[in-house]
């Protein structure tokens, strides 16, 4: 049923008292109106969005449009809200981004959009199984090359269900809808809190999709732009490295020796690669990609690694050529820029031995499996876990000490800082900013407190 009897109230500003300061702060803005005696409201995080919506309602009333008694909306706005759903917009955003981002970023797109798409629905009635729904999004809807391929019946049904039940894109201007999406970004599949880094990455994707909706005129403003928009609190982001992960030089030497003893050929082929991550501060993908032409390895003294590319393992479904790895420029740097890293004699020796024993492939790469393939991250992780059992005590194995390949890089950066190397040089060699160096890597090595305690004792004596 519809009515022409419409009255409007002023916008209500919603405030909440801060628990710490005791001061009241603005959290949202509510548009209020009455249709045939029935009160209606719509809450927005941005005041401008609320004012624009109220203006649209007033214009429709002046034009003589009837208002629906259930939704409270005039015909023009009701049709506009139903025009584009979140699911349709998410697919359009993937298409917009696909060609301009790396394979790893495509994976982040899928993860972020999936987290919110499965909860931004009108009803759960008749919903497919969660694993089927996520597979439909991962393998078809949010994967551009595969989207038009044939699909199993359950996948077809899942996508049709989403098309029918996805919320209108305009619903994202309401506080409760955005809060539901942010809450989904902060949860794992089992409902437990996700790591803060995952939340931050998903939220970034979600915000990018909302900004794209604003550019297309589908939203009046990005609801995430207002920092005081609502009461939803994101998980705290740990910005520093857990020092328990950072091994000291003695522990790292024992770990490298243990890696060499894993299997008949696997460990010996990998020990120099792990050495690059420790002594050269390379990221795992940078070490895997190292070529002979990038290595200056003198017979004595320090050498240099000088490189400009890395292979990132994103998966065949996300790369343009269908390979597991994608060749990319260095992280955080402009295309065709190089990084020059001085390396100590220990790594020079490891690399010379590796080249003498295994040579290089036809592309000049140093590290590959005995079949000539690039190493997968899972292989590096598995070898490291076996080596930790050989090199560490039981309590150390159960701790986070050097538990991931990336921790070799952490140890290498921390080693240089503790040796008194100027932070600007360490940041340049490691390939990031000085700000990141201080925020993340400025930690003492495991067991290194004794050195500083000894110096304090000397002063006290």
Protein backbone atom coordinates (compact mmCIF):
# COMPACT_ATOMS: atom_id res chain seq x y z
CA UNK A 1 0.00 0.00 0.00
CA UNK A 2 1.08 3.57 -0.66
CA UNK A 3 0.25 7.02 0.68
CA UNK A 4 0.79 10.69 -0.11
CA UNK A 5 0.58 11.62 3.58
CA UNK A 6 4.27 12.29 4.39
CA UNK A 7 5.87 14.47 7.07
CA UNK A 8 9.57 15.03 7.73
CA UNK A 9 11.48 15.64 10.96
CA UNK A 10 14.91 17.19 11.36
CA UNK A 11 17.96 14.93 11.27
CA UNK A 12 18.80 13.48 14.69
CA UNK A 13 22.47 13.53 15.69
CA UNK A 14 23.34 10.48 17.79
CA UNK A 15 26.02 10.86 20.47
CA UNK A 16 27.72 8.50 22.87
CA UNK A 17 29.70 9.18 26.04
CA UNK A 18 33.33 8.10 25.77
CA UNK A 19 34.19 5.69 28.59
CA UNK A 20 37.67 7.15 29.11
CA UNK A 21 37.24 10.89 28.66
CA UNK A 22 33.61 11.17 29.71
CA UNK A 23 32.97 13.41 26.73
CA UNK A 24 30.17 12.87 24.24
CA UNK A 25 31.06 12.23 20.62
CA UNK A 26 28.95 12.00 17.46
CA UNK A 27 28.51 8.42 16.28
CA UNK A 28 25.80 8.65 13.57
CA UNK A 29 22.96 10.69 12.05
CA UNK A 30 19.35 9.49 11.69
CA UNK A 31 16.88 10.67 9.04
CA UNK A 32 13.30 10.51 10.39
CA UNK A 33 9.98 10.82 8.55
CA UNK A 34 6.36 9.63 8.85
CA UNK A 35 4.27 7.93 6.15
CA UNK A 36 0.54 7.76 6.94
CA UNK A 37 1.27 7.84 10.67
CA UNK A 38 4.01 5.19 10.48
CA UNK A 39 7.40 6.38 11.71
CA UNK A 40 10.38 5.58 9.46
CA UNK A 41 14.09 6.13 9.95
CA UNK A 42 17.43 5.48 8.29
CA UNK A 43 20.79 5.97 10.06
CA UNK A 44 23.97 7.10 8.30
CA UNK A 45 27.53 7.40 9.44
CA UNK A 46 28.20 10.61 7.49
CA UNK A 47 26.06 13.70 8.03
CA UNK A 48 26.32 14.61 4.35
CA UNK A 49 24.85 11.25 3.35
CA UNK A 50 21.94 11.77 5.75
CA UNK A 51 21.30 15.27 4.39
CA UNK A 52 21.39 14.01 0.79
CA UNK A 53 18.91 11.23 1.58
CA UNK A 54 16.52 13.61 3.33
CA UNK A 55 16.77 15.98 0.36
CA UNK A 56 15.84 13.13 -2.02
CA UNK A 57 12.80 12.29 0.13
CA UNK A 58 11.61 15.92 0.18
CA UNK A 59 12.02 16.27 -3.59
CA UNK A 60 9.99 13.12 -4.20
CA UNK A 61 7.20 14.43 -1.95
CA UNK A 62 7.16 17.78 -3.79
CA UNK A 63 6.86 15.94 -7.11
CA UNK A 64 3.78 14.15 -5.78
CA UNK A 65 5.27 10.62 -5.67
CA UNK A 66 3.46 8.09 -3.46
CA UNK A 67 5.42 6.58 -0.53
CA UNK A 68 5.33 2.86 0.25
CA UNK A 69 3.89 2.14 3.71
CA UNK A 70 6.29 -0.76 4.37
CA UNK A 71 9.61 0.64 3.18
CA UNK A 72 8.71 4.30 3.66
CA UNK A 73 10.31 5.10 0.29
CA UNK A 74 8.93 6.85 -2.79
CA UNK A 75 8.88 4.81 -6.00
CA UNK A 76 11.95 6.52 -7.46
CA UNK A 77 14.19 5.72 -4.48
CA UNK A 78 12.81 2.23 -4.03
CA UNK A 79 13.67 1.38 -7.62
CA UNK A 80 17.14 2.94 -7.29
CA UNK A 81 17.90 0.96 -4.15
CA UNK A 82 16.92 -2.28 -5.84
CA UNK A 83 18.82 -1.49 -8.99
CA UNK A 84 22.30 -2.73 -8.01
CA UNK A 85 23.07 -5.31 -5.33
CA UNK A 86 26.28 -5.60 -3.33
CA UNK A 87 27.07 -8.88 -5.10
CA UNK A 88 26.76 -7.24 -8.54
CA UNK A 89 28.93 -4.37 -7.43
CA UNK A 90 31.58 -6.69 -5.91
CA UNK A 91 31.89 -8.54 -9.24
CA UNK A 92 32.18 -5.22 -11.08
CA UNK A 93 34.91 -4.12 -8.66
CA UNK A 94 36.90 -7.32 -9.28
CA UNK A 95 36.65 -6.69 -13.03
CA UNK A 96 37.81 -3.12 -12.53
CA UNK A 97 40.86 -4.17 -10.50
CA UNK A 98 41.88 -7.45 -12.12
CA UNK A 99 44.26 -6.38 -14.90
CA UNK A 100 46.08 -3.78 -12.82
CA UNK A 101 47.01 -5.82 -9.75
CA UNK A 102 49.33 -8.73 -9.00
CA UNK A 103 48.21 -12.31 -8.46
CA UNK A 104 48.74 -11.91 -4.69
CA UNK A 105 46.52 -8.83 -4.69
CA UNK A 106 43.85 -10.79 -6.58
CA UNK A 107 43.87 -13.33 -3.76
CA UNK A 108 43.42 -10.48 -1.27
CA UNK A 109 40.52 -9.17 -3.35
CA UNK A 110 38.78 -12.54 -3.20
CA UNK A 111 39.37 -12.95 0.54
CA UNK A 112 38.17 -9.46 1.45
CA UNK A 113 35.12 -9.44 -0.80
CA UNK A 114 34.10 -12.96 0.17
CA UNK A 115 34.23 -12.15 3.88
CA UNK A 116 31.58 -9.43 3.49
CA UNK A 117 29.56 -10.86 0.57
CA UNK A 118 28.45 -13.96 2.48
CA UNK A 119 26.97 -11.82 5.29
CA UNK A 120 25.51 -8.96 3.24
CA UNK A 121 22.33 -10.88 2.40
CA UNK A 122 18.65 -10.18 2.95
CA UNK A 123 17.93 -13.59 4.44
CA UNK A 124 19.72 -16.86 5.24
CA UNK A 125 16.71 -18.88 4.12
CA UNK A 126 17.69 -21.52 1.58
CA UNK A 127 21.37 -20.58 1.84
CA UNK A 128 23.91 -23.05 0.36
CA UNK A 129 26.48 -24.72 2.59
CA UNK A 130 29.17 -22.18 3.58
CA UNK A 131 31.98 -24.12 1.86
CA UNK A 132 29.96 -24.31 -1.38
CA UNK A 133 29.22 -20.60 -1.26
CA UNK A 134 32.87 -19.67 -0.74
CA UNK A 135 34.00 -22.05 -3.48
CA UNK A 136 31.52 -20.45 -5.87
CA UNK A 137 33.02 -17.04 -5.14
CA UNK A 138 36.65 -18.17 -5.18
CA UNK A 139 36.61 -20.31 -8.31
CA UNK A 140 34.03 -18.47 -10.43
CA UNK A 141 32.37 -15.20 -9.36
CA UNK A 142 35.55 -13.43 -8.20
CA UNK A 143 37.88 -15.15 -10.67
CA UNK A 144 37.60 -13.32 -13.99
CA UNK A 145 39.11 -15.94 -16.38
CA UNK A 146 36.99 -18.78 -14.94
CA UNK A 147 33.71 -16.93 -14.44
CA UNK A 148 32.12 -18.07 -17.72
CA UNK A 149 33.35 -21.66 -17.52
CA UNK A 150 30.91 -24.50 -16.88
CA UNK A 151 29.96 -24.94 -13.24
CA UNK A 152 28.68 -27.86 -11.15
CA UNK A 153 24.96 -27.67 -10.37
CA UNK A 154 25.52 -26.78 -6.70
CA UNK A 155 27.74 -23.86 -7.73
CA UNK A 156 25.13 -22.58 -10.19
CA UNK A 157 22.52 -22.78 -7.44
CA UNK A 158 24.77 -20.95 -4.96
CA UNK A 159 25.41 -18.06 -7.36
CA UNK A 160 21.70 -17.75 -8.18
CA UNK A 161 20.93 -17.65 -4.45
CA UNK A 162 23.41 -14.81 -3.99
CA UNK A 163 21.93 -12.87 -6.90
CA UNK A 164 18.48 -13.07 -5.28
CA UNK A 165 19.52 -12.42 -1.68
CA UNK A 166 22.37 -9.92 -1.83
CA UNK A 167 21.50 -6.59 -0.18
CA UNK A 168 21.07 -3.46 -2.33
CA UNK A 169 24.28 -1.46 -2.57
CA UNK A 170 22.49 1.55 -1.01
CA UNK A 171 22.09 -0.47 2.19
CA UNK A 172 25.79 0.15 2.81
CA UNK A 173 24.91 3.72 3.78
CA UNK A 174 23.31 2.39 6.96
CA UNK A 175 25.35 1.89 10.14
CA UNK A 176 24.14 -1.59 11.00
CA UNK A 177 24.94 -2.94 7.53
CA UNK A 178 28.50 -1.59 7.56
CA UNK A 179 29.04 -2.87 11.10
CA UNK A 180 27.97 -6.34 10.01
CA UNK A 181 30.51 -6.26 7.19
CA UNK A 182 33.34 -5.07 9.45
CA UNK A 183 32.55 -7.75 11.99
CA UNK A 184 32.79 -10.35 9.22
CA UNK A 185 36.20 -8.97 8.24
CA UNK A 186 37.44 -9.57 11.78
CA UNK A 187 36.39 -13.24 12.02
CA UNK A 188 37.87 -16.51 10.78
CA UNK A 189 35.76 -19.25 9.21
CA UNK A 190 35.33 -20.89 12.63
CA UNK A 191 34.02 -17.65 14.13
CA UNK A 192 37.12 -16.91 16.20
CA UNK A 193 38.86 -13.53 15.93
CA UNK A 194 41.13 -13.26 12.89
CA UNK A 195 44.68 -11.98 13.12
CA UNK A 196 44.75 -8.15 13.07
CA UNK A 197 46.75 -8.18 9.83
CA UNK A 198 43.99 -10.17 8.10
CA UNK A 199 41.34 -7.77 9.36
CA UNK A 200 43.31 -4.79 8.12
CA UNK A 201 43.76 -6.36 4.65
CA UNK A 202 40.08 -7.29 4.31
CA UNK A 203 38.96 -3.86 5.48
CA UNK A 204 41.23 -2.24 2.89
CA UNK A 205 39.58 -4.29 0.12
CA UNK A 206 36.10 -3.50 1.45
CA UNK A 207 36.91 0.21 1.58
CA UNK A 208 38.25 0.10 -1.98
CA UNK A 209 34.98 -1.41 -3.19
CA UNK A 210 32.99 1.29 -1.38
CA UNK A 211 35.11 4.05 -2.93
CA UNK A 212 34.46 2.52 -6.34
CA UNK A 213 30.72 2.63 -5.58
CA UNK A 214 31.00 6.34 -4.80
CA UNK A 215 32.82 6.96 -8.09
CA UNK A 216 30.02 5.17 -9.96
CA UNK A 217 27.33 7.14 -8.14
CA UNK A 218 26.00 4.06 -6.34
CA UNK A 219 26.79 5.50 -2.89
CA UNK A 220 26.71 9.13 -1.81
CA UNK A 221 29.87 8.77 0.30
CA UNK A 222 32.22 6.10 1.62
CA UNK A 223 30.74 5.15 5.02
CA UNK A 224 34.19 4.16 6.30
CA UNK A 225 35.59 7.68 5.88
CA UNK A 226 34.09 8.85 9.18
CA UNK A 227 36.34 7.50 11.93
CA UNK A 228 33.73 8.22 14.59
CA UNK A 229 30.95 6.72 12.55
CA UNK A 230 29.80 3.95 14.88
CA UNK A 231 30.66 1.98 18.00
CA UNK A 232 32.25 -1.00 16.26
CA UNK A 233 35.80 -1.50 17.50
CA UNK A 234 38.34 -3.24 15.23
CA UNK A 235 40.86 -5.65 16.74
CA UNK A 236 44.10 -4.13 17.93
CA UNK A 237 46.88 -4.33 15.33
CA UNK A 238 50.22 -5.53 16.64
CA UNK A 239 52.75 -3.30 14.90
CA UNK A 240 55.91 -4.79 16.38
CA UNK A 241 57.57 -8.14 15.93
CA UNK A 242 57.37 -10.70 18.74
CA UNK A 243 60.97 -10.83 19.95
CA UNK A 244 60.53 -14.50 20.85
CA UNK A 245 60.68 -15.24 17.13
CA UNK A 246 64.12 -13.67 16.64
CA UNK A 247 66.97 -16.19 16.98
CA UNK A 248 70.50 -15.17 17.94
CA UNK A 249 73.56 -15.95 15.75
CA UNK A 250 74.41 -19.16 17.61
CA UNK A 251 70.85 -20.47 17.19
CA UNK A 252 70.77 -19.48 13.53
CA UNK A 253 74.05 -21.28 12.83
CA UNK A 254 72.68 -24.43 14.49
CA UNK A 255 69.48 -24.13 12.45
CA UNK A 256 71.33 -23.75 9.15
CA UNK A 257 73.47 -26.78 9.99
CA UNK A 258 70.29 -28.74 10.76
CA UNK A 259 68.68 -27.70 7.44
CA UNK A 260 71.71 -29.09 5.63
CA UNK A 261 71.02 -32.49 7.24
CA UNK A 262 67.37 -32.75 6.14
CA UNK A 263 67.04 -35.57 3.61
CA UNK A 264 69.69 -36.67 1.16
CA UNK A 265 69.36 -33.76 -1.27
CA UNK A 266 66.53 -31.49 -0.12
CA UNK A 267 68.32 -29.84 2.81
CA UNK A 268 71.67 -29.38 1.01
CA UNK A 269 69.84 -27.69 -1.89
CA UNK A 270 68.07 -25.30 0.51
CA UNK A 271 70.72 -24.29 3.05
CA UNK A 272 72.08 -21.45 0.89
CA UNK A 273 68.54 -20.21 0.22
CA UNK A 274 67.91 -19.94 3.97
CA UNK A 275 71.32 -18.32 4.27
CA UNK A 276 70.17 -15.60 1.87
CA UNK A 277 67.18 -14.88 4.09
CA UNK A 278 69.38 -14.63 7.20
CA UNK A 279 72.73 -13.22 6.09
CA UNK A 280 71.22 -11.21 3.19
CA UNK A 281 67.88 -10.21 4.82
CA UNK A 282 65.99 -11.36 1.70
CA UNK A 283 62.29 -12.10 1.75
CA UNK A 284 61.50 -15.76 0.90
CA UNK A 285 60.18 -14.85 -2.57
CA UNK A 286 63.31 -12.77 -3.23
CA UNK A 287 65.61 -15.62 -2.20
CA UNK A 288 63.76 -18.14 -4.38
CA UNK A 289 64.19 -15.80 -7.37
CA UNK A 290 67.91 -15.10 -6.97
CA UNK A 291 69.96 -15.38 -10.17
CA UNK A 292 73.70 -15.93 -10.58
CA UNK A 293 74.11 -12.63 -12.41
CA UNK A 294 72.85 -10.86 -9.27
CA UNK A 295 75.66 -12.27 -7.10
CA UNK A 296 79.12 -10.78 -6.63
CA UNK A 297 81.02 -13.54 -4.82
CA UNK A 298 84.73 -12.80 -4.33
CA UNK A 299 87.14 -15.49 -3.19
CA UNK A 300 87.68 -13.60 0.08
CA UNK A 301 85.73 -11.05 2.11
CA UNK A 302 82.29 -9.56 1.66
CA UNK A 303 80.17 -9.93 -1.46
CA UNK A 304 77.06 -8.22 -2.85
CA UNK A 305 73.57 -9.26 -3.98
CA UNK A 306 72.13 -6.88 -6.60
CA UNK A 307 68.63 -7.82 -7.84
CA UNK A 308 65.34 -6.34 -9.11
CA UNK A 309 62.73 -9.11 -9.38
CA UNK A 310 61.01 -11.72 -7.23
CA UNK A 311 58.72 -14.71 -7.84
CA UNK A 312 55.57 -14.59 -5.72
CA UNK A 313 53.58 -17.82 -5.18
CA UNK A 314 49.90 -16.92 -5.57
CA UNK A 315 48.48 -20.06 -7.20
CA UNK A 316 47.57 -21.04 -10.76
CA UNK A 317 44.02 -19.73 -10.42
CA UNK A 318 45.21 -16.13 -9.97
CA UNK A 319 48.15 -15.68 -12.35
CA UNK A 320 47.79 -14.58 -15.98
CA UNK A 321 49.86 -17.46 -17.36
CA UNK A 322 48.44 -20.22 -15.16
CA UNK A 323 51.73 -20.75 -13.30
CA UNK A 324 51.96 -21.02 -9.52
CA UNK A 325 54.54 -18.19 -9.30
CA UNK A 326 54.30 -14.70 -10.74
CA UNK A 327 57.37 -12.65 -11.58
CA UNK A 328 57.11 -9.21 -10.02
CA UNK A 329 59.24 -6.20 -9.14
CA UNK A 330 60.56 -5.68 -5.64
CA UNK A 331 58.02 -5.09 -2.88
CA UNK A 332 57.25 -1.44 -2.19
CA UNK A 333 59.51 -0.17 -4.99
CA UNK A 334 58.94 1.38 -8.39
CA UNK A 335 59.30 -0.90 -11.44
CA UNK A 336 62.85 -1.59 -12.67
CA UNK A 337 64.48 -0.45 -9.43
CA UNK A 338 67.20 -2.60 -7.88
CA UNK A 339 68.29 -3.45 -4.36
CA UNK A 340 71.95 -3.82 -3.46
CA UNK A 341 72.73 -5.83 -0.32
CA UNK A 342 76.25 -6.35 1.09
CA UNK A 343 76.63 -9.96 2.30
CA UNK A 344 79.18 -11.37 4.81
CA UNK A 345 81.78 -14.05 3.92
CA UNK A 346 79.56 -16.75 5.47
CA UNK A 347 76.90 -16.27 2.78
CA UNK A 348 79.51 -15.84 0.04
CA UNK A 349 80.84 -19.29 0.94
CA UNK A 350 77.36 -20.85 1.00
CA UNK A 351 76.49 -19.44 -2.42
CA UNK A 352 79.80 -20.41 -4.04
CA UNK A 353 79.38 -23.98 -2.74
CA UNK A 354 75.79 -24.11 -3.99
CA UNK A 355 76.71 -22.92 -7.49
CA UNK A 356 79.65 -25.32 -7.69
CA UNK A 357 77.43 -28.25 -6.66
CA UNK A 358 74.10 -27.53 -8.38
CA UNK A 359 74.84 -24.86 -11.00
CA UNK A 360 71.95 -22.77 -12.33
CA UNK A 361 68.91 -23.42 -14.52
CA UNK A 362 68.50 -22.10 -18.07
CA UNK A 363 67.23 -18.78 -16.70
CA UNK A 364 70.23 -18.43 -14.39
CA UNK A 365 68.29 -19.05 -11.18
CA UNK A 366 70.20 -20.64 -8.30
CA UNK A 367 67.44 -22.35 -6.35
CA UNK A 368 65.05 -24.99 -7.70
CA UNK A 369 63.98 -28.53 -6.84
CA UNK A 370 65.82 -31.54 -8.23
CA UNK A 371 63.18 -31.56 -10.98
CA UNK A 372 63.89 -27.92 -11.83
CA UNK A 373 60.69 -26.45 -10.36
CA UNK A 374 60.42 -23.35 -8.19
CA UNK A 375 60.07 -23.99 -4.47
CA UNK A 376 56.60 -23.68 -2.93
CA UNK A 377 56.22 -21.84 0.41
CA UNK A 378 54.86 -25.06 1.95
CA UNK A 379 58.12 -26.87 1.15
CA UNK A 380 60.21 -24.21 2.87
CA UNK A 381 57.96 -24.32 5.90
CA UNK A 382 58.03 -28.13 6.14
CA UNK A 383 61.83 -28.35 5.93
CA UNK A 384 62.19 -25.67 8.59
CA UNK A 385 59.96 -27.55 11.02
CA UNK A 386 62.07 -30.70 10.64
CA UNK A 387 65.25 -28.69 11.14
CA UNK A 388 63.96 -26.99 14.30
CA UNK A 389 63.52 -30.40 15.92
CA UNK A 390 67.17 -31.20 15.20
CA UNK A 391 68.60 -27.81 16.23
CA UNK A 392 66.48 -26.70 19.20
CA UNK A 393 65.49 -27.98 22.62
CA UNK A 394 61.95 -29.19 23.20
CA UNK A 395 60.90 -25.91 24.82
CA UNK A 396 62.37 -23.93 21.93
CA UNK A 397 60.57 -26.11 19.37
CA UNK A 398 57.29 -25.42 21.16
CA UNK A 399 58.01 -21.68 21.17
CA UNK A 400 57.70 -19.30 18.18
CA UNK A 401 61.52 -19.08 17.90
CA UNK A 402 62.43 -19.02 14.17
CA UNK A 403 59.22 -20.90 13.39
CA UNK A 404 58.64 -19.45 9.89
CA UNK A 405 61.00 -18.85 6.95
CA UNK A 406 60.37 -15.11 7.26
CA UNK A 407 61.90 -15.22 10.75
CA UNK A 408 65.31 -15.71 9.12
CA UNK A 409 64.94 -12.22 7.65
CA UNK A 410 63.84 -10.89 11.05
CA UNK A 411 66.96 -12.35 12.63
CA UNK A 412 69.20 -10.89 9.93
CA UNK A 413 67.79 -7.38 10.35
CA UNK A 414 67.97 -7.55 14.15
CA UNK A 415 71.56 -8.83 13.96
CA UNK A 416 72.65 -5.73 12.06
CA UNK A 417 70.81 -3.38 14.39
CA UNK A 418 72.36 -4.97 17.46
CA UNK A 419 75.79 -4.75 15.81
CA UNK A 420 75.37 -0.96 15.70
CA UNK A 421 74.82 -0.61 11.93
CA UNK A 422 73.17 2.76 11.13
CA UNK A 423 69.40 2.19 10.80
CA UNK A 424 69.24 4.03 7.46
CA UNK A 425 71.70 1.54 5.96
CA UNK A 426 69.89 -1.47 7.41
CA UNK A 427 66.57 -0.17 6.02
CA UNK A 428 68.10 0.35 2.58
CA UNK A 429 69.61 -3.14 2.51
CA UNK A 430 66.40 -4.75 3.80
CA UNK A 431 64.25 -2.91 1.26
CA UNK A 432 61.89 -0.88 3.43
CA UNK A 433 61.68 2.49 5.19
CA UNK A 434 63.44 3.55 8.37
CA UNK A 435 60.01 4.05 9.95
CA UNK A 436 59.14 0.39 9.34
CA UNK A 437 62.55 -0.63 10.67
CA UNK A 438 61.99 1.11 14.01
CA UNK A 439 58.36 0.04 14.25
CA UNK A 440 58.80 -3.63 13.41
CA UNK A 441 62.37 -4.82 13.56
CA UNK A 442 64.07 -2.92 16.39
CA UNK A 443 64.31 -5.88 18.77
CA UNK A 444 67.10 -7.50 20.68
CA UNK A 445 68.05 -11.04 19.71
CA UNK A 446 66.92 -14.04 21.76
CA UNK A 447 69.23 -14.30 24.79
CA UNK A 448 70.96 -11.02 23.92
CA UNK A 449 69.87 -9.36 27.18
CA UNK A 450 72.84 -10.94 28.95
CA UNK A 451 75.22 -8.80 26.91
CA UNK A 452 73.51 -5.62 28.01
CA UNK A 453 73.14 -6.84 31.61
CA UNK A 454 76.88 -7.47 31.67
CA UNK A 455 77.61 -3.93 30.55
CA UNK A 456 75.32 -2.52 33.26
CA UNK A 457 77.07 -4.74 35.87
CA UNK A 458 80.42 -3.37 34.74
CA UNK A 459 79.19 0.18 35.24
CA UNK A 460 77.74 -0.62 38.68
CA UNK A 461 81.00 -2.28 39.78
